[in-house]
Amino acid sequence: MTAIDDDMTGRRAAMVREIERTAADVGPRFSLSPNVLAAMGEVPRHAFVLPEHLSDAYRNRPLPIGFGQTISQPFIVALMTDLAALKPGDRVLDIGTGSGYQAAILARLVSHVFTVELCAPLAARAAKTFKDLGLHNITMRIGDGHGGWPEQAPFDAIVAAAAPREIPEALVDQLRPGGRLVIPVGGAHKNSLSSKRGAINLHTGARSFRSRSFR
């Protein structure tokens, strides 16, 4: 292990501690799964950011990745992953690949991840990162993810980065019975995260997250 590797490992551990502190600020009864935190501590976020942002790779904030998109704040990635209530044998659909970081976190926790990205250059960059990291349980396609991926359905969970005004019925239809859909819904100042987990309300900054069940 090189000195750079040691430094990045230390920064990643510090990021996980920051995620835990942020989760504690949500409320005394809220905590993230140890498995999710372990995945956040294992996946090298610096592999998914642009070279000019390498020094900020483990700060708990979003970063630009080009083409008008960002890599999400680590806490939000952890939160959405946690709300998906994943199991090792799950098949998961990730909508909006972006940098590929969310898909990589999911891939550490489930059997297979299917991910869709509309922007071809971002998809190509993410695919190379997956290959470089040896993430062989991720399948990607380029396209509009609003309709899901019906050819690969049903899914145990679907995680979506975009915030439509209403929950797309096409995604709900592609879930297994009891499956979980985690998606921000609403405007810029009021988003709701819908998932299998019953009625909890989370408030992080300007974003309001609500999770609910799909049967």
N, C-alpha and C. Protein backbone atom coordinates (compact mmCIF):
# COMPACT_ATOMS: atom_id res chain seq x y z
N MET A 1 0.85 -1.19 0.00
CA MET A 1 0.00 0.00 0.00
C MET A 1 0.89 1.24 0.00
N THR A 2 0.60 2.19 -0.89
CA THR A 2 1.39 3.40 -1.00
C THR A 2 0.95 4.43 0.04
N ALA A 3 1.77 5.49 0.15
CA ALA A 3 1.41 6.57 1.07
C ALA A 3 0.10 7.23 0.64
N ILE A 4 -0.11 7.33 -0.68
CA ILE A 4 -1.36 7.90 -1.18
C ILE A 4 -2.54 7.03 -0.78
N ASP A 5 -2.36 5.70 -0.91
CA ASP A 5 -3.43 4.78 -0.51
C ASP A 5 -3.75 4.93 0.98
N ASP A 6 -2.69 5.03 1.80
CA ASP A 6 -2.89 5.22 3.24
C ASP A 6 -3.67 6.49 3.52
N ASP A 7 -3.30 7.56 2.80
CA ASP A 7 -3.97 8.85 3.00
C ASP A 7 -5.44 8.76 2.62
N MET A 8 -5.73 8.13 1.49
CA MET A 8 -7.12 8.02 1.04
C MET A 8 -7.93 7.14 1.98
N THR A 9 -7.31 6.08 2.51
CA THR A 9 -8.00 5.21 3.46
C THR A 9 -8.36 5.99 4.72
N GLY A 10 -7.43 6.82 5.18
CA GLY A 10 -7.70 7.64 6.36
C GLY A 10 -8.78 8.66 6.10
N ARG A 11 -8.76 9.27 4.93
CA ARG A 11 -9.80 10.25 4.59
C ARG A 11 -11.16 9.58 4.47
N ARG A 12 -11.17 8.37 3.93
CA ARG A 12 -12.45 7.65 3.79
C ARG A 12 -13.02 7.32 5.16
N ALA A 13 -12.17 6.90 6.09
CA ALA A 13 -12.64 6.61 7.45
C ALA A 13 -13.19 7.87 8.10
N ALA A 14 -12.54 9.00 7.87
CA ALA A 14 -13.03 10.27 8.43
C ALA A 14 -14.38 10.63 7.81
N MET A 15 -14.55 10.36 6.51
CA MET A 15 -15.83 10.62 5.85
C MET A 15 -16.95 9.80 6.49
N VAL A 16 -16.67 8.54 6.78
CA VAL A 16 -17.69 7.69 7.40
C VAL A 16 -18.07 8.22 8.77
N ARG A 17 -17.09 8.69 9.53
CA ARG A 17 -17.41 9.27 10.84
C ARG A 17 -18.27 10.51 10.68
N GLU A 18 -18.00 11.32 9.66
CA GLU A 18 -18.82 12.50 9.40
C GLU A 18 -20.24 12.11 9.01
N ILE A 19 -20.38 11.04 8.22
CA ILE A 19 -21.71 10.54 7.85
C ILE A 19 -22.47 10.13 9.11
N GLU A 20 -21.80 9.45 10.03
CA GLU A 20 -22.45 9.02 11.28
C GLU A 20 -22.88 10.23 12.11
N ARG A 21 -22.06 11.27 12.15
CA ARG A 21 -22.44 12.48 12.89
C ARG A 21 -23.64 13.16 12.25
N THR A 22 -23.65 13.19 10.91
CA THR A 22 -24.78 13.80 10.21
C THR A 22 -26.06 13.02 10.48
N ALA A 23 -25.96 11.69 10.48
CA ALA A 23 -27.13 10.86 10.78
C ALA A 23 -27.63 11.11 12.19
N ALA A 24 -26.71 11.29 13.13
CA ALA A 24 -27.10 11.55 14.52
C ALA A 24 -27.83 12.88 14.64
N ASP A 25 -27.47 13.84 13.78
CA ASP A 25 -28.14 15.14 13.81
C ASP A 25 -29.59 15.05 13.33
N VAL A 26 -29.89 14.01 12.53
CA VAL A 26 -31.26 13.84 12.04
C VAL A 26 -32.21 13.58 13.21
N GLY A 27 -31.76 12.80 14.18
CA GLY A 27 -32.60 12.50 15.34
C GLY A 27 -31.98 11.38 16.13
N PRO A 28 -32.26 11.33 17.44
CA PRO A 28 -31.63 10.33 18.31
C PRO A 28 -32.01 8.89 17.98
N ARG A 29 -33.14 8.69 17.30
CA ARG A 29 -33.58 7.33 16.99
C ARG A 29 -33.16 6.89 15.59
N PHE A 30 -32.49 7.78 14.87
CA PHE A 30 -32.10 7.44 13.50
C PHE A 30 -30.64 7.02 13.45
N SER A 31 -30.38 5.90 12.79
CA SER A 31 -29.01 5.45 12.59
C SER A 31 -28.93 4.69 11.29
N LEU A 32 -27.76 4.62 10.70
CA LEU A 32 -27.54 3.92 9.44
C LEU A 32 -27.04 2.51 9.70
N SER A 33 -27.39 1.60 8.81
CA SER A 33 -26.99 0.20 8.93
C SER A 33 -25.47 0.07 8.95
N PRO A 34 -24.93 -0.78 9.82
CA PRO A 34 -23.48 -1.02 9.81
C PRO A 34 -22.98 -1.52 8.46
N ASN A 35 -23.80 -2.30 7.75
CA ASN A 35 -23.39 -2.78 6.43
C ASN A 35 -23.24 -1.63 5.43
N VAL A 36 -24.15 -0.67 5.51
CA VAL A 36 -24.07 0.49 4.63
C VAL A 36 -22.82 1.31 4.96
N LEU A 37 -22.57 1.53 6.24
CA LEU A 37 -21.39 2.29 6.64
C LEU A 37 -20.11 1.57 6.23
N ALA A 38 -20.12 0.24 6.31
CA ALA A 38 -18.94 -0.53 5.89
C ALA A 38 -18.69 -0.35 4.39
N ALA A 39 -19.76 -0.38 3.60
CA ALA A 39 -19.62 -0.18 2.16
C ALA A 39 -19.08 1.21 1.86
N MET A 40 -19.58 2.21 2.57
CA MET A 40 -19.09 3.58 2.37
C MET A 40 -17.61 3.67 2.71
N GLY A 41 -17.16 2.86 3.65
CA GLY A 41 -15.76 2.86 4.04
C GLY A 41 -14.86 2.05 3.14
N GLU A 42 -15.46 1.25 2.26
CA GLU A 42 -14.68 0.37 1.38
C GLU A 42 -14.54 0.91 -0.05
N VAL A 43 -15.57 1.57 -0.55
CA VAL A 43 -15.56 2.03 -1.95
C VAL A 43 -14.75 3.32 -2.05
N PRO A 44 -13.76 3.36 -2.94
CA PRO A 44 -12.90 4.55 -3.07
C PRO A 44 -13.59 5.68 -3.83
N ARG A 45 -14.19 6.62 -3.10
CA ARG A 45 -14.90 7.72 -3.77
C ARG A 45 -13.98 8.53 -4.68
N HIS A 46 -12.70 8.59 -4.33
CA HIS A 46 -11.78 9.38 -5.15
C HIS A 46 -11.65 8.83 -6.57
N ALA A 47 -12.01 7.55 -6.77
CA ALA A 47 -11.96 6.97 -8.11
C ALA A 47 -13.08 7.48 -9.00
N PHE A 48 -14.10 8.13 -8.40
CA PHE A 48 -15.28 8.56 -9.14
C PHE A 48 -15.34 10.08 -9.35
N VAL A 49 -14.36 10.80 -8.83
CA VAL A 49 -14.38 12.26 -8.98
C VAL A 49 -13.38 12.68 -10.04
N LEU A 50 -13.54 13.91 -10.55
CA LEU A 50 -12.61 14.45 -11.53
C LEU A 50 -11.28 14.77 -10.86
N PRO A 51 -10.17 14.68 -11.61
CA PRO A 51 -8.85 14.92 -11.01
C PRO A 51 -8.74 16.25 -10.28
N GLU A 52 -9.39 17.30 -10.80
CA GLU A 52 -9.27 18.61 -10.16
C GLU A 52 -10.00 18.68 -8.82
N HIS A 53 -10.80 17.66 -8.51
CA HIS A 53 -11.53 17.65 -7.22
C HIS A 53 -11.04 16.52 -6.31
N LEU A 54 -9.89 15.95 -6.63
CA LEU A 54 -9.39 14.81 -5.87
C LEU A 54 -9.19 15.15 -4.40
N SER A 55 -8.71 16.33 -4.12
CA SER A 55 -8.47 16.71 -2.72
C SER A 55 -9.75 16.81 -1.91
N ASP A 56 -10.89 16.97 -2.59
CA ASP A 56 -12.18 17.09 -1.90
C ASP A 56 -13.00 15.80 -1.96
N ALA A 57 -12.39 14.71 -2.44
CA ALA A 57 -13.15 13.49 -2.71
C ALA A 57 -13.87 12.96 -1.48
N TYR A 58 -13.32 13.15 -0.28
CA TYR A 58 -13.92 12.58 0.92
C TYR A 58 -14.56 13.63 1.82
N ARG A 59 -14.81 14.80 1.26
CA ARG A 59 -15.61 15.78 2.00
C ARG A 59 -17.08 15.41 1.83
N ASN A 60 -17.86 15.68 2.87
CA ASN A 60 -19.27 15.28 2.85
C ASN A 60 -20.10 16.33 2.11
N ARG A 61 -19.86 16.39 0.80
CA ARG A 61 -20.57 17.34 -0.04
C ARG A 61 -20.57 16.84 -1.48
N PRO A 62 -21.53 17.28 -2.29
CA PRO A 62 -21.53 16.92 -3.70
C PRO A 62 -20.39 17.62 -4.44
N LEU A 63 -19.97 17.02 -5.56
CA LEU A 63 -18.91 17.61 -6.38
C LEU A 63 -19.30 17.52 -7.85
N PRO A 64 -18.91 18.51 -8.66
CA PRO A 64 -19.24 18.44 -10.09
C PRO A 64 -18.46 17.32 -10.79
N ILE A 65 -19.15 16.65 -11.72
CA ILE A 65 -18.49 15.59 -12.49
C ILE A 65 -18.57 15.88 -14.00
N GLY A 66 -19.01 17.08 -14.34
CA GLY A 66 -19.13 17.44 -15.74
C GLY A 66 -20.53 17.22 -16.27
N PHE A 67 -20.80 17.82 -17.42
CA PHE A 67 -22.09 17.66 -18.11
C PHE A 67 -23.27 18.09 -17.25
N GLY A 68 -23.01 19.07 -16.37
CA GLY A 68 -24.06 19.61 -15.53
C GLY A 68 -24.52 18.70 -14.41
N GLN A 69 -23.75 17.67 -14.09
CA GLN A 69 -24.14 16.72 -13.05
C GLN A 69 -23.13 16.72 -11.91
N THR A 70 -23.53 16.10 -10.80
CA THR A 70 -22.66 16.02 -9.64
C THR A 70 -22.61 14.60 -9.10
N ILE A 71 -21.57 14.30 -8.35
CA ILE A 71 -21.55 13.10 -7.51
C ILE A 71 -22.19 13.51 -6.19
N SER A 72 -23.14 12.73 -5.72
CA SER A 72 -23.95 13.12 -4.57
C SER A 72 -23.13 13.21 -3.28
N GLN A 73 -23.65 13.99 -2.34
CA GLN A 73 -23.08 14.06 -1.00
C GLN A 73 -23.04 12.65 -0.41
N PRO A 74 -21.92 12.25 0.19
CA PRO A 74 -21.83 10.90 0.75
C PRO A 74 -22.96 10.54 1.71
N PHE A 75 -23.38 11.48 2.55
CA PHE A 75 -24.47 11.17 3.47
C PHE A 75 -25.74 10.81 2.72
N ILE A 76 -26.05 11.51 1.63
CA ILE A 76 -27.26 11.21 0.86
C ILE A 76 -27.15 9.84 0.22
N VAL A 77 -25.97 9.49 -0.29
CA VAL A 77 -25.76 8.15 -0.85
C VAL A 77 -26.00 7.09 0.23
N ALA A 78 -25.45 7.31 1.41
CA ALA A 78 -25.63 6.35 2.51
C ALA A 78 -27.09 6.26 2.92
N LEU A 79 -27.76 7.41 3.00
CA LEU A 79 -29.16 7.44 3.41
C LEU A 79 -30.05 6.69 2.43
N MET A 80 -29.88 6.96 1.14
CA MET A 80 -30.72 6.29 0.14
C MET A 80 -30.45 4.79 0.12
N THR A 81 -29.18 4.42 0.28
CA THR A 81 -28.83 2.99 0.33
C THR A 81 -29.47 2.33 1.54
N ASP A 82 -29.42 3.01 2.67
CA ASP A 82 -29.99 2.47 3.90
C ASP A 82 -31.50 2.30 3.78
N LEU A 83 -32.18 3.28 3.20
CA LEU A 83 -33.63 3.21 3.04
C LEU A 83 -34.05 2.07 2.12
N ALA A 84 -33.16 1.65 1.23
CA ALA A 84 -33.49 0.54 0.32
C ALA A 84 -33.55 -0.80 1.04
N ALA A 85 -33.05 -0.87 2.29
CA ALA A 85 -33.13 -2.09 3.11
C ALA A 85 -32.67 -3.31 2.32
N LEU A 86 -31.44 -3.27 1.85
CA LEU A 86 -30.93 -4.28 0.92
C LEU A 86 -30.55 -5.58 1.62
N LYS A 87 -30.66 -6.66 0.84
CA LYS A 87 -30.22 -7.98 1.28
C LYS A 87 -29.21 -8.51 0.27
N PRO A 88 -28.32 -9.43 0.68
CA PRO A 88 -27.23 -9.88 -0.20
C PRO A 88 -27.69 -10.45 -1.54
N GLY A 89 -28.84 -11.10 -1.59
CA GLY A 89 -29.29 -11.71 -2.84
C GLY A 89 -30.11 -10.80 -3.73
N ASP A 90 -30.26 -9.53 -3.37
CA ASP A 90 -31.13 -8.63 -4.11
C ASP A 90 -30.58 -8.28 -5.49
N ARG A 91 -31.54 -8.01 -6.40
CA ARG A 91 -31.25 -7.41 -7.70
C ARG A 91 -31.80 -5.99 -7.65
N VAL A 92 -30.93 -5.01 -7.93
CA VAL A 92 -31.29 -3.61 -7.71
C VAL A 92 -31.11 -2.82 -8.99
N LEU A 93 -32.06 -1.91 -9.24
CA LEU A 93 -31.97 -0.99 -10.36
C LEU A 93 -31.56 0.39 -9.83
N ASP A 94 -30.50 0.93 -10.41
CA ASP A 94 -30.00 2.26 -10.05
C ASP A 94 -30.24 3.17 -11.25
N ILE A 95 -31.06 4.21 -11.06
CA ILE A 95 -31.43 5.11 -12.16
C ILE A 95 -30.66 6.42 -12.03
N GLY A 96 -29.90 6.74 -13.07
CA GLY A 96 -29.06 7.93 -13.05
C GLY A 96 -27.67 7.58 -12.55
N THR A 97 -26.92 6.83 -13.35
CA THR A 97 -25.60 6.33 -12.93
C THR A 97 -24.67 7.46 -12.53
N GLY A 98 -24.64 8.52 -13.33
CA GLY A 98 -23.73 9.62 -13.05
C GLY A 98 -22.29 9.15 -13.02
N SER A 99 -21.61 9.42 -11.92
CA SER A 99 -20.22 9.00 -11.76
C SER A 99 -20.09 7.49 -11.59
N GLY A 100 -21.17 6.85 -11.11
CA GLY A 100 -21.14 5.43 -10.80
C GLY A 100 -20.96 5.12 -9.33
N TYR A 101 -20.80 6.15 -8.51
CA TYR A 101 -20.51 5.94 -7.08
C TYR A 101 -21.65 5.23 -6.36
N GLN A 102 -22.89 5.67 -6.59
CA GLN A 102 -24.02 5.01 -5.94
C GLN A 102 -24.11 3.55 -6.34
N ALA A 103 -23.94 3.26 -7.62
CA ALA A 103 -24.00 1.87 -8.10
C ALA A 103 -22.91 1.04 -7.44
N ALA A 104 -21.72 1.62 -7.27
CA ALA A 104 -20.62 0.88 -6.65
C ALA A 104 -20.91 0.55 -5.20
N ILE A 105 -21.53 1.49 -4.47
CA ILE A 105 -21.92 1.22 -3.08
C ILE A 105 -22.94 0.09 -3.05
N LEU A 106 -23.94 0.16 -3.92
CA LEU A 106 -24.97 -0.88 -3.98
C LEU A 106 -24.34 -2.24 -4.29
N ALA A 107 -23.35 -2.24 -5.20
CA ALA A 107 -22.74 -3.50 -5.64
C ALA A 107 -22.01 -4.22 -4.52
N ARG A 108 -21.60 -3.48 -3.47
CA ARG A 108 -20.96 -4.12 -2.33
C ARG A 108 -21.95 -4.84 -1.44
N LEU A 109 -23.24 -4.58 -1.64
CA LEU A 109 -24.26 -5.06 -0.70
C LEU A 109 -25.24 -6.06 -1.30
N VAL A 110 -25.29 -6.17 -2.64
CA VAL A 110 -26.32 -7.00 -3.28
C VAL A 110 -25.69 -7.92 -4.32
N SER A 111 -26.55 -8.78 -4.87
CA SER A 111 -26.09 -9.75 -5.87
C SER A 111 -25.75 -9.08 -7.20
N HIS A 112 -26.65 -8.19 -7.68
CA HIS A 112 -26.40 -7.56 -8.98
C HIS A 112 -27.07 -6.20 -9.04
N VAL A 113 -26.38 -5.25 -9.68
CA VAL A 113 -26.90 -3.90 -9.87
C VAL A 113 -27.06 -3.64 -11.37
N PHE A 114 -28.23 -3.15 -11.76
CA PHE A 114 -28.49 -2.71 -13.13
C PHE A 114 -28.60 -1.19 -13.06
N THR A 115 -27.85 -0.49 -13.90
CA THR A 115 -27.82 0.97 -13.80
C THR A 115 -27.99 1.61 -15.16
N VAL A 116 -28.72 2.73 -15.19
CA VAL A 116 -29.08 3.41 -16.43
C VAL A 116 -28.61 4.85 -16.37
N GLU A 117 -27.94 5.31 -17.44
CA GLU A 117 -27.47 6.68 -17.52
C GLU A 117 -27.79 7.26 -18.90
N LEU A 118 -28.35 8.46 -18.92
CA LEU A 118 -28.73 9.11 -20.17
C LEU A 118 -27.54 9.71 -20.91
N CYS A 119 -26.56 10.23 -20.17
CA CYS A 119 -25.41 10.91 -20.76
C CYS A 119 -24.33 9.89 -21.14
N ALA A 120 -24.12 9.70 -22.43
CA ALA A 120 -23.19 8.66 -22.90
C ALA A 120 -21.76 8.86 -22.39
N PRO A 121 -21.19 10.08 -22.41
CA PRO A 121 -19.82 10.23 -21.89
C PRO A 121 -19.70 9.86 -20.41
N LEU A 122 -20.71 10.23 -19.61
CA LEU A 122 -20.67 9.84 -18.19
C LEU A 122 -20.77 8.33 -18.04
N ALA A 123 -21.62 7.72 -18.85
CA ALA A 123 -21.77 6.26 -18.79
C ALA A 123 -20.46 5.56 -19.13
N ALA A 124 -19.77 6.07 -20.15
CA ALA A 124 -18.50 5.47 -20.55
C ALA A 124 -17.45 5.60 -19.44
N ARG A 125 -17.42 6.77 -18.80
CA ARG A 125 -16.46 6.99 -17.71
C ARG A 125 -16.77 6.06 -16.54
N ALA A 126 -18.06 5.94 -16.19
CA ALA A 126 -18.45 5.07 -15.08
C ALA A 126 -18.12 3.62 -15.39
N ALA A 127 -18.38 3.19 -16.62
CA ALA A 127 -18.11 1.80 -17.01
C ALA A 127 -16.62 1.49 -16.85
N LYS A 128 -15.75 2.43 -17.24
CA LYS A 128 -14.31 2.23 -17.08
C LYS A 128 -13.94 2.13 -15.61
N THR A 129 -14.55 2.98 -14.77
CA THR A 129 -14.26 2.93 -13.33
C THR A 129 -14.69 1.60 -12.74
N PHE A 130 -15.86 1.12 -13.13
CA PHE A 130 -16.32 -0.19 -12.65
C PHE A 130 -15.31 -1.28 -13.02
N LYS A 131 -14.84 -1.24 -14.27
CA LYS A 131 -13.87 -2.24 -14.73
C LYS A 131 -12.56 -2.13 -13.96
N ASP A 132 -12.08 -0.91 -13.77
CA ASP A 132 -10.81 -0.71 -13.06
C ASP A 132 -10.89 -1.22 -11.62
N LEU A 133 -12.09 -1.10 -11.01
CA LEU A 133 -12.26 -1.53 -9.61
C LEU A 133 -12.68 -2.99 -9.49
N GLY A 134 -12.86 -3.66 -10.63
CA GLY A 134 -13.25 -5.08 -10.60
C GLY A 134 -14.67 -5.31 -10.14
N LEU A 135 -15.55 -4.35 -10.43
CA LEU A 135 -16.96 -4.47 -10.04
C LEU A 135 -17.71 -5.18 -11.16
N HIS A 136 -17.72 -6.49 -11.11
CA HIS A 136 -18.27 -7.29 -12.20
C HIS A 136 -19.77 -7.57 -12.04
N ASN A 137 -20.36 -7.15 -10.94
CA ASN A 137 -21.79 -7.40 -10.73
C ASN A 137 -22.64 -6.17 -11.02
N ILE A 138 -22.14 -5.32 -11.93
CA ILE A 138 -22.88 -4.14 -12.38
C ILE A 138 -23.08 -4.23 -13.89
N THR A 139 -24.33 -4.10 -14.33
CA THR A 139 -24.67 -4.07 -15.74
C THR A 139 -25.24 -2.70 -16.06
N MET A 140 -24.70 -2.05 -17.12
CA MET A 140 -25.12 -0.69 -17.44
C MET A 140 -25.71 -0.63 -18.84
N ARG A 141 -26.64 0.31 -19.01
CA ARG A 141 -27.08 0.67 -20.36
C ARG A 141 -27.26 2.17 -20.42
N ILE A 142 -27.17 2.71 -21.63
CA ILE A 142 -27.38 4.14 -21.86
C ILE A 142 -28.82 4.35 -22.29
N GLY A 143 -29.50 5.28 -21.64
CA GLY A 143 -30.88 5.55 -21.99
C GLY A 143 -31.57 6.37 -20.92
N ASP A 144 -32.83 6.65 -21.14
CA ASP A 144 -33.66 7.39 -20.20
C ASP A 144 -34.19 6.43 -19.14
N GLY A 145 -33.84 6.68 -17.89
CA GLY A 145 -34.20 5.74 -16.83
C GLY A 145 -35.60 5.92 -16.27
N HIS A 146 -36.36 6.93 -16.75
CA HIS A 146 -37.69 7.15 -16.18
C HIS A 146 -38.61 5.95 -16.37
N GLY A 147 -38.36 5.19 -17.43
CA GLY A 147 -39.17 4.00 -17.67
C GLY A 147 -38.61 2.75 -17.05
N GLY A 148 -37.52 2.92 -16.28
CA GLY A 148 -36.90 1.76 -15.64
C GLY A 148 -36.14 0.91 -16.64
N TRP A 149 -36.15 -0.40 -16.40
CA TRP A 149 -35.47 -1.37 -17.27
C TRP A 149 -36.35 -2.62 -17.28
N PRO A 150 -37.49 -2.57 -17.98
CA PRO A 150 -38.47 -3.65 -17.89
C PRO A 150 -37.93 -5.01 -18.30
N GLU A 151 -36.94 -5.04 -19.19
CA GLU A 151 -36.40 -6.32 -19.64
C GLU A 151 -35.68 -7.07 -18.51
N GLN A 152 -35.22 -6.34 -17.50
CA GLN A 152 -34.50 -6.96 -16.38
C GLN A 152 -35.36 -7.07 -15.12
N ALA A 153 -36.57 -6.55 -15.17
CA ALA A 153 -37.47 -6.61 -14.01
C ALA A 153 -37.94 -8.04 -13.77
N PRO A 154 -38.39 -8.36 -12.55
CA PRO A 154 -38.61 -7.45 -11.43
C PRO A 154 -37.35 -7.24 -10.58
N PHE A 155 -37.35 -6.15 -9.83
CA PHE A 155 -36.24 -5.79 -8.96
C PHE A 155 -36.68 -5.83 -7.50
N ASP A 156 -35.73 -6.16 -6.64
CA ASP A 156 -36.01 -6.12 -5.20
C ASP A 156 -36.00 -4.69 -4.68
N ALA A 157 -35.24 -3.84 -5.35
CA ALA A 157 -35.19 -2.43 -4.95
C ALA A 157 -34.81 -1.59 -6.16
N ILE A 158 -35.29 -0.36 -6.17
CA ILE A 158 -34.93 0.62 -7.19
C ILE A 158 -34.50 1.89 -6.48
N VAL A 159 -33.34 2.41 -6.84
CA VAL A 159 -32.81 3.64 -6.27
C VAL A 159 -32.65 4.64 -7.41
N ALA A 160 -33.27 5.80 -7.28
CA ALA A 160 -33.25 6.80 -8.36
C ALA A 160 -32.71 8.12 -7.84
N ALA A 161 -31.85 8.75 -8.65
CA ALA A 161 -31.24 10.01 -8.24
C ALA A 161 -32.10 11.21 -8.55
N ALA A 162 -32.89 11.16 -9.62
CA ALA A 162 -33.66 12.31 -10.06
C ALA A 162 -34.89 12.51 -9.18
N ALA A 163 -35.44 13.73 -9.22
CA ALA A 163 -36.60 14.07 -8.39
C ALA A 163 -37.79 14.45 -9.26
N PRO A 164 -38.58 13.48 -9.72
CA PRO A 164 -39.78 13.81 -10.49
C PRO A 164 -40.86 14.37 -9.58
N ARG A 165 -41.87 15.00 -10.18
CA ARG A 165 -42.96 15.55 -9.36
C ARG A 165 -43.80 14.45 -8.74
N GLU A 166 -43.97 13.36 -9.46
CA GLU A 166 -44.75 12.23 -8.96
C GLU A 166 -43.93 10.95 -9.13
N ILE A 167 -44.25 9.94 -8.31
CA ILE A 167 -43.56 8.66 -8.42
C ILE A 167 -43.97 7.98 -9.72
N PRO A 168 -43.01 7.64 -10.59
CA PRO A 168 -43.36 6.98 -11.86
C PRO A 168 -43.96 5.60 -11.63
N GLU A 169 -45.15 5.38 -12.16
CA GLU A 169 -45.81 4.09 -12.00
C GLU A 169 -45.02 2.98 -12.66
N ALA A 170 -44.29 3.32 -13.74
CA ALA A 170 -43.49 2.30 -14.44
C ALA A 170 -42.45 1.69 -13.50
N LEU A 171 -41.92 2.48 -12.59
CA LEU A 171 -40.94 1.96 -11.64
C LEU A 171 -41.60 1.07 -10.60
N VAL A 172 -42.73 1.52 -10.09
CA VAL A 172 -43.46 0.71 -9.11
C VAL A 172 -43.82 -0.65 -9.71
N ASP A 173 -44.22 -0.65 -10.97
CA ASP A 173 -44.63 -1.88 -11.64
C ASP A 173 -43.46 -2.85 -11.82
N GLN A 174 -42.23 -2.36 -11.74
CA GLN A 174 -41.06 -3.22 -11.94
C GLN A 174 -40.48 -3.76 -10.65
N LEU A 175 -41.16 -3.50 -9.54
CA LEU A 175 -40.73 -4.03 -8.24
C LEU A 175 -41.35 -5.39 -7.97
N ARG A 176 -40.60 -6.24 -7.30
CA ARG A 176 -41.19 -7.47 -6.77
C ARG A 176 -42.19 -7.11 -5.68
N PRO A 177 -43.12 -8.01 -5.35
CA PRO A 177 -43.99 -7.75 -4.20
C PRO A 177 -43.15 -7.48 -2.95
N GLY A 178 -43.45 -6.39 -2.29
CA GLY A 178 -42.66 -6.00 -1.12
C GLY A 178 -41.37 -5.29 -1.46
N GLY A 179 -41.15 -4.99 -2.76
CA GLY A 179 -39.93 -4.31 -3.18
C GLY A 179 -39.89 -2.88 -2.71
N ARG A 180 -38.71 -2.28 -2.78
CA ARG A 180 -38.50 -0.94 -2.23
C ARG A 180 -38.10 0.02 -3.34
N LEU A 181 -38.78 1.15 -3.40
CA LEU A 181 -38.43 2.23 -4.31
C LEU A 181 -37.95 3.41 -3.49
N VAL A 182 -36.73 3.86 -3.73
CA VAL A 182 -36.17 5.00 -3.01
C VAL A 182 -35.93 6.10 -4.03
N ILE A 183 -36.69 7.18 -3.92
CA ILE A 183 -36.64 8.22 -4.93
C ILE A 183 -37.04 9.56 -4.33
N PRO A 184 -36.27 10.63 -4.58
CA PRO A 184 -36.71 11.95 -4.14
C PRO A 184 -37.83 12.44 -5.05
N VAL A 185 -38.89 12.93 -4.46
CA VAL A 185 -40.06 13.37 -5.23
C VAL A 185 -40.43 14.78 -4.79
N GLY A 186 -40.70 15.66 -5.74
CA GLY A 186 -41.16 17.00 -5.41
C GLY A 186 -40.25 18.07 -5.95
N GLY A 187 -40.44 19.30 -5.47
CA GLY A 187 -39.66 20.43 -5.93
C GLY A 187 -38.33 20.53 -5.22
N ALA A 188 -37.64 21.63 -5.49
CA ALA A 188 -36.29 21.81 -4.97
C ALA A 188 -36.28 21.94 -3.45
N HIS A 189 -37.38 22.39 -2.86
CA HIS A 189 -37.39 22.63 -1.41
C HIS A 189 -38.18 21.60 -0.63
N LYS A 190 -38.81 20.67 -1.35
CA LYS A 190 -39.54 19.62 -0.63
C LYS A 190 -39.46 18.34 -1.44
N ASN A 191 -38.60 17.44 -0.99
CA ASN A 191 -38.45 16.14 -1.63
C ASN A 191 -38.90 15.07 -0.66
N SER A 192 -39.47 14.00 -1.18
CA SER A 192 -39.81 12.87 -0.31
C SER A 192 -39.15 11.63 -0.86
N LEU A 193 -38.52 10.87 0.04
CA LEU A 193 -37.94 9.60 -0.35
C LEU A 193 -38.94 8.52 0.01
N SER A 194 -39.37 7.77 -0.99
CA SER A 194 -40.33 6.72 -0.75
C SER A 194 -39.62 5.37 -0.78
N SER A 195 -39.90 4.56 0.22
CA SER A 195 -39.26 3.25 0.28
C SER A 195 -40.15 2.28 1.04
N LYS A 196 -39.65 1.07 1.27
CA LYS A 196 -40.41 0.04 1.98
C LYS A 196 -40.58 0.40 3.46
N ARG A 197 -39.69 1.18 4.00
CA ARG A 197 -39.74 1.47 5.43
C ARG A 197 -40.88 2.42 5.74
N GLY A 198 -41.74 2.07 6.63
CA GLY A 198 -42.94 2.82 6.98
C GLY A 198 -42.77 4.29 7.25
N ALA A 199 -43.41 4.90 8.13
CA ALA A 199 -43.53 6.36 8.20
C ALA A 199 -42.43 6.97 9.06
N ILE A 200 -41.35 7.40 8.41
CA ILE A 200 -40.36 8.20 9.12
C ILE A 200 -40.13 9.47 8.32
N ASN A 201 -39.84 10.54 9.00
CA ASN A 201 -39.58 11.81 8.34
C ASN A 201 -38.16 12.24 8.66
N LEU A 202 -37.41 12.57 7.61
CA LEU A 202 -36.03 12.99 7.76
C LEU A 202 -35.87 14.38 7.18
N HIS A 203 -35.16 15.24 7.87
CA HIS A 203 -34.92 16.59 7.37
C HIS A 203 -33.43 16.85 7.36
N THR A 204 -32.87 17.05 6.18
CA THR A 204 -31.45 17.32 6.06
C THR A 204 -31.29 18.58 5.23
N GLY A 205 -30.92 19.67 5.87
CA GLY A 205 -30.77 20.94 5.17
C GLY A 205 -32.09 21.36 4.57
N ALA A 206 -32.07 21.69 3.27
CA ALA A 206 -33.28 22.16 2.60
C ALA A 206 -34.14 21.01 2.10
N ARG A 207 -33.70 19.78 2.33
CA ARG A 207 -34.41 18.64 1.77
C ARG A 207 -35.19 17.91 2.85
N SER A 208 -36.41 17.55 2.52
CA SER A 208 -37.26 16.80 3.44
C SER A 208 -37.51 15.44 2.84
N PHE A 209 -37.19 14.39 3.59
CA PHE A 209 -37.31 13.03 3.09
C PHE A 209 -38.40 12.28 3.86
N ARG A 210 -39.29 11.64 3.12
CA ARG A 210 -40.34 10.84 3.73
C ARG A 210 -40.30 9.46 3.11
N SER A 211 -40.32 8.41 3.92
CA SER A 211 -40.32 7.06 3.36
C SER A 211 -41.66 6.40 3.66
N ARG A 212 -42.13 5.58 2.73
CA ARG A 212 -43.40 4.90 2.93
C ARG A 212 -43.36 3.54 2.23
N SER A 213 -44.35 2.73 2.47
CA SER A 213 -44.34 1.35 2.00
C SER A 213 -45.00 1.20 0.64
N PHE A 214 -44.47 0.23 -0.13
CA PHE A 214 -45.13 -0.24 -1.35
C PHE A 214 -45.43 -1.70 -1.16
N ARG A 215 -46.63 -2.12 -1.47
CA ARG A 215 -47.03 -3.53 -1.28
C ARG A 215 -47.24 -4.20 -2.62
